[in-house]
């Protein structure tokens, strides 16, 4: 009678095991974007519009990105490397279990000539930066990193540059005049981007959201339920400037792939004040982990049945 009971329990555990294995991966199905490039060590960024989704290094001629088919759609890749002209190619969103391929060939810049450097600092992650030549064409292009920065190598003997243009969705496009840097020198340009939020003027404060996941997306939600401001966790926090006279925000929502979204209450800062709120993220449980537990349970039940 005990053996029958054990076998019945084993069947139940096996059913749970099968259910865990067949369950969809938390977060939705995945596809792959494979970027092939002729320059090892180049930096490849996966983009959705002007937003940088993820950045990887070309290794053995390839960089692969795993994307959720139900996540933010991707449409372009940007690839850059020192000594080469940057490239920007479109890519299709892969279906579940499928791979979208894109091949990017970087063109080497002319050999010889002295180099200087142009560093652009902004307050926006993933902003597109175009370096314009005196002829009005785009000489260099790229996207700011998680610190809002990007650096270009500029040939001092090449076609002179005249300005940088910085653009990003939700921000006013900015254009600033620049000069060609001297050999071995770095010219730094600081550009403060202004939100296209319709609020004009008004005092500002800062809502600082801390979290344990680098690159996590931060959204400040207004009392009307709309997303009022956005940011990204960098070095453990996202400092988001808000207008004290604008529509108040009362929640911060933090999300990242592979983690449960966290929402915390926030309050509006006064002029010049910084208020800090913590929103730690918890990793989502894995169906495969449940499957392993189920398998261990089956092994234990069978061992008990044999013992009897």
Foldseek 3Di string as FASTA:
>chain_A
DVLVVLVVVLVVLVVLLVVLVPDAWPPAFKEKEKEFEPDFQKKKFWAQVLDTPDIDTQDPRIDMDIDHLPDRFTFKMWIDDPQWAIDIGTWGGDDGPYYIYDYDYTHGDDPDAFKEKEKEAELDFSKKKFFAFPVGDGPHIDGAHLRRMDMDIDGPPDGWTFWMWIDDPQWDIDIDTDGGDDGHYYDYHYDYIHGPPVDDDAFKEKEKEFEDDFFWKKFFAFPVGDGDDIFTADPGITITMDGLPDGWTFKMWTDDPQWDIWIDTDGGDDGHYYHYDYTYTHGDDTSVVSSVVSVVVSVVSVVVSVVD
